Amino acid sequence: MVRRLTATRPRNPGVARLDRAAYLIMHEVLQAPEPLTVQELALRLQVDLSTMSRQIAVVEGKGLLARAPTQEDARVHRVQPTESGLKEFHSMRTARHTVYQEILRDWPSEDQQHLAAILQRLNDSIQQYQSRVPKNDGSQN
């Protein structure tokens, strides 16, 4: 399913304006009620801090995010979207929604709502599972 959805990108370039990592980072940043630290983002996206720092540097280099040191500790940075980042994210999200609407256009409304509910339930179950299962950090070989 993911492979087929990914294959729609060449038909609609707006769907792939941001790479997957940038889209996920932007999504988390925009969902948060206040600016997140790089460490908080790493925890939310379940990647190590060095990976998150590199990914944020790439997104920041594209002008989509800005980092600023916290007042409490200059080594800790909070991440915020730039105006350009907001525009890119919302543009891509709109393009993705348009593709999904086109894919599901022949489905009855009730089926579309049921699919959305089931996918949300699956996502919630995955999140709950991940919070219960210890992360394999490779130290227990």
Protein backbone atom coordinates (compact mmCIF):
# COMPACT_ATOMS: atom_id res chain seq x y z
CA MET A 1 0.00 0.00 0.00
CA VAL A 2 2.75 2.46 0.93
CA ARG A 3 4.62 1.57 -2.27
CA ARG A 4 1.55 2.32 -4.38
CA LEU A 5 0.88 5.60 -2.60
CA THR A 6 4.52 6.58 -3.07
CA ALA A 7 4.18 5.82 -6.77
CA THR A 8 1.56 8.60 -7.04
CA ARG A 9 4.22 11.24 -6.43
CA PRO A 10 5.38 11.61 -10.05
CA ARG A 11 1.78 12.27 -11.06
CA ASN A 12 1.40 14.99 -8.44
CA PRO A 13 4.72 16.72 -7.64
CA GLY A 14 3.10 18.74 -4.85
CA VAL A 15 2.80 15.55 -2.81
CA ALA A 16 6.58 15.17 -2.59
CA ARG A 17 7.73 18.72 -1.97
CA LEU A 18 9.29 17.69 1.34
CA ASP A 19 11.12 14.43 1.92
CA ARG A 20 9.66 12.04 4.49
CA ALA A 21 11.95 13.12 7.34
CA ALA A 22 11.28 16.82 6.75
CA TYR A 23 7.52 16.24 6.56
CA LEU A 24 7.50 14.26 9.83
CA ILE A 25 9.63 16.86 11.61
CA MET A 26 7.43 19.70 10.37
CA HIS A 27 4.30 17.79 11.39
CA GLU A 28 5.58 17.26 14.94
CA VAL A 29 6.75 20.87 15.26
CA LEU A 30 3.36 22.16 14.12
CA GLN A 31 1.40 19.79 16.38
CA ALA A 32 3.22 20.93 19.51
CA PRO A 33 1.60 23.67 21.60
CA GLU A 34 5.01 25.32 22.09
CA PRO A 35 8.40 25.08 20.36
CA LEU A 36 10.10 21.72 20.94
CA THR A 37 13.72 21.09 21.74
CA VAL A 38 15.78 18.94 19.39
CA GLN A 39 15.81 16.24 22.10
CA GLU A 40 12.01 16.35 22.44
CA LEU A 41 11.67 15.93 18.69
CA ALA A 42 14.06 12.98 18.73
CA LEU A 43 11.97 11.31 21.43
CA ARG A 44 8.69 11.95 19.62
CA LEU A 45 10.01 10.60 16.33
CA GLN A 46 11.94 7.79 18.03
CA VAL A 47 15.35 8.55 16.56
CA ASP A 48 18.62 9.21 18.32
CA LEU A 49 19.66 12.77 19.05
CA SER A 50 22.51 12.86 16.53
CA THR A 51 20.18 11.70 13.73
CA MET A 52 17.60 14.31 14.69
CA SER A 53 20.25 17.04 14.81
CA ARG A 54 21.41 16.14 11.29
CA GLN A 55 17.86 16.00 9.94
CA ILE A 56 16.97 19.34 11.49
CA ALA A 57 20.15 20.88 10.07
CA VAL A 58 19.04 19.81 6.57
CA VAL A 59 15.51 21.20 7.04
CA GLU A 60 16.93 24.36 8.59
CA GLY A 61 19.32 24.69 5.64
CA LYS A 62 16.31 24.73 3.31
CA GLY A 63 14.91 27.64 5.30
CA LEU A 64 11.94 25.68 6.64
CA LEU A 65 12.88 25.66 10.34
CA ALA A 66 14.77 27.96 12.67
CA ARG A 67 16.63 26.91 15.81
CA ALA A 68 17.12 29.18 18.77
CA PRO A 69 18.98 28.48 22.03
CA THR A 70 16.90 28.38 25.19
CA GLN A 71 17.47 31.03 27.84
CA GLU A 72 18.16 28.36 30.45
CA ASP A 73 20.91 26.57 28.50
CA ALA A 74 22.49 27.86 25.29
CA ARG A 75 23.39 24.26 24.32
CA VAL A 76 19.67 23.37 24.11
CA HIS A 77 17.80 24.62 21.04
CA ARG A 78 14.09 24.97 20.39
CA VAL A 79 12.83 24.48 16.85
CA GLN A 80 10.20 26.64 15.16
CA PRO A 81 8.86 26.68 11.61
CA THR A 82 9.68 29.61 9.39
CA GLU A 83 7.02 31.30 7.27
CA SER A 84 8.43 29.43 4.26
CA GLY A 85 8.28 26.16 6.22
CA LEU A 86 4.64 26.71 7.12
CA LYS A 87 3.79 27.45 3.49
CA GLU A 88 5.66 24.36 2.18
CA PHE A 89 4.11 22.04 4.77
CA HIS A 90 0.56 23.25 4.22
CA SER A 91 0.99 23.13 0.45
CA MET A 92 2.20 19.53 0.59
CA ARG A 93 -0.52 18.54 3.04
CA THR A 94 -3.18 20.04 0.77
CA ALA A 95 -1.73 18.17 -2.23
CA ARG A 96 -1.75 14.90 -0.27
CA HIS A 97 -5.37 15.41 0.77
CA THR A 98 -6.31 16.11 -2.85
CA VAL A 99 -4.70 12.84 -3.97
CA TYR A 100 -6.49 10.87 -1.23
CA GLN A 101 -9.79 12.50 -2.15
CA GLU A 102 -9.25 11.50 -5.77
CA ILE A 103 -8.35 7.93 -4.80
CA LEU A 104 -11.45 7.61 -2.61
CA ARG A 105 -13.85 9.64 -4.77
CA ASP A 106 -16.00 6.61 -5.65
CA TRP A 107 -16.25 5.40 -2.05
CA PRO A 108 -19.42 6.16 -0.12
CA SER A 109 -18.95 8.77 2.60
CA GLU A 110 -19.63 6.19 5.33
CA ASP A 111 -16.83 3.96 3.98
CA GLN A 112 -14.41 6.91 3.90
CA GLN A 113 -15.28 7.75 7.51
CA HIS A 114 -14.92 4.11 8.55
CA LEU A 115 -11.51 3.89 6.86
CA ALA A 116 -10.39 7.06 8.67
CA ALA A 117 -11.56 5.67 12.01
CA ILE A 118 -9.85 2.31 11.46
CA LEU A 119 -6.58 3.95 10.37
CA GLN A 120 -6.67 6.21 13.43
CA ARG A 121 -7.27 3.17 15.62
CA LEU A 122 -4.35 1.35 13.98
CA ASN A 123 -2.10 4.38 14.48
CA ASP A 124 -3.14 4.63 18.15
CA SER A 125 -2.48 0.90 18.67
CA ILE A 126 0.97 1.18 17.10
CA GLN A 127 1.75 4.13 19.37
CA GLN A 128 0.57 2.21 22.45
CA TYR A 129 2.62 -0.83 21.42
CA GLN A 130 5.73 1.29 20.96
CA SER A 131 5.32 2.80 24.41
CA ARG A 132 5.08 -0.70 26.00
CA VAL A 133 7.93 -2.42 24.16
CA PRO A 134 11.47 -1.45 25.20
CA LYS A 135 13.49 0.15 22.44
CA ASN A 136 16.22 -2.11 21.10
CA ASP A 137 19.27 0.12 21.27
CA GLY A 138 21.65 -2.64 20.25
CA SER A 139 23.29 -2.85 23.68
CA GLN A 140 21.79 -6.25 24.53
CA ASN A 141 23.42 -8.48 21.91
